Amino acid sequence: MTCTKHTKRIVLATAVLLIAGLLAGSALAGDDKKKDADKPYKLTIEVKKTDTGGEVQFVFDVVKKGFHLDKNAPMKIKLKAPEGVTFADNPLRWKQAIEYKPEKRGIIKTTYTGEAGKKIKADLKFAICNETNCFIKREKREFVLK
């Protein structure tokens, strides 16, 4: 009988821990969305098909007053592509920028050749600054060629 009592307690405790873990996971997923909304920047990746392949633009928008981009801070975008895909520039830096307005927006562009539908991994390292500090950010993103 004692064994059955302990087994029931263990099962009950396991169920409670499992439910608590699921609830915590849901709360954390919500926290990620809130964190994205709290960021002083918005990062988007735009892919366009061209006659000779395509182009990719990494758009950094400053969305909070008092923040800016800094060309002098470390910045690098490394692209990992499957065989058969070639980028004109890799890694990318601010020198490939086609638009740079520190308080508003920075756009870095490269062109590519390769088959549509291929998935590309991007490892981005950049800085967003306020009047007193620069914050080094690192994001990993994926996108698909068109």
Foldseek 3Di string as FASTA:
>chain_A
DVVVVVVVVVVVVVVVVVVVVVVVVVVVVVVVVVVQVVDQWDWDWDWDQDPQATKIKIKIFGRDPQKWFDLPDDWWKAKDFDPFKDKPDGTWGQVQWPDGDTNTMTMHMIGMHGDWFTKMKIWIWGWMDGPPDIDIDIDIDMDTHD
